[in-house]
């Protein structure tokens, strides 16, 4: 019954979140601030991880394709598919769920335990709309660019790994990238990214907004928010793959 109750409270929260902002100027200021906090400050870790994971994927593929009958161009093809379909949208979203999700929960939870949210409600401000909507739009608008950057850096990292290790040539890798390219795969990755970005913004916000207790409760809520966001991303990934690719 607890799960049903939390699911109902989550969707009731979303109704309040997506009401029209009361003050447009304040909303846009909050939106740009959230884009910086949730998006721009995540660039470094995404760029670093994408580059090296792309290299690891290419090296692992090359080391496992030791048959002379398999062309080296298959390494680029496999790396391209792996990065575009799963690594960039799903793995990077899980990383962002840990980094961004804990920040969202702790920031909103701190406002709840210090009664700042109660003060907003007393002033007649829709606190959910004021606090959560900028976070949702910031992630949904910015994360597709972040994932596209992760794709490019992952593929580039694979090329660099091949050239430096000598396991395959850059020409074969590029030939594999160009083999059987399907634009719908990028559309599929962007659809997944938008769904994951929505979950990354709303699930931690829910846990932070309804936290009860003191600072210890905020810490527990942050951990719970990251766990549940990750679980929902994995489940959503399964259903989106089932619906869009089969």
Foldseek 3Di string as FASTA:
>chain_A
DVVVVLVVVLVVLVVLQPDDAPDPVLLVVLLVVLLVVLPVVCLVVLLVVLLQVLQVQLVVVLVVPPDPVDFSLLSLQVSLCCLLQDCLQQVVLLVSLLVVLLVLLLVLLQCVQVCVLVVCVVVVGSSSNSRQNSQLCSQLVRVLVSSVSSSVSSSVSNLVSCVVVVSDHSVSNVSSNPPPDDVVSNVLSSVLSNVLSNLSRRQSNSLNNPFDDDPVSSVVSSVVSSVVSSVVSVVVSVVSCVPRVD
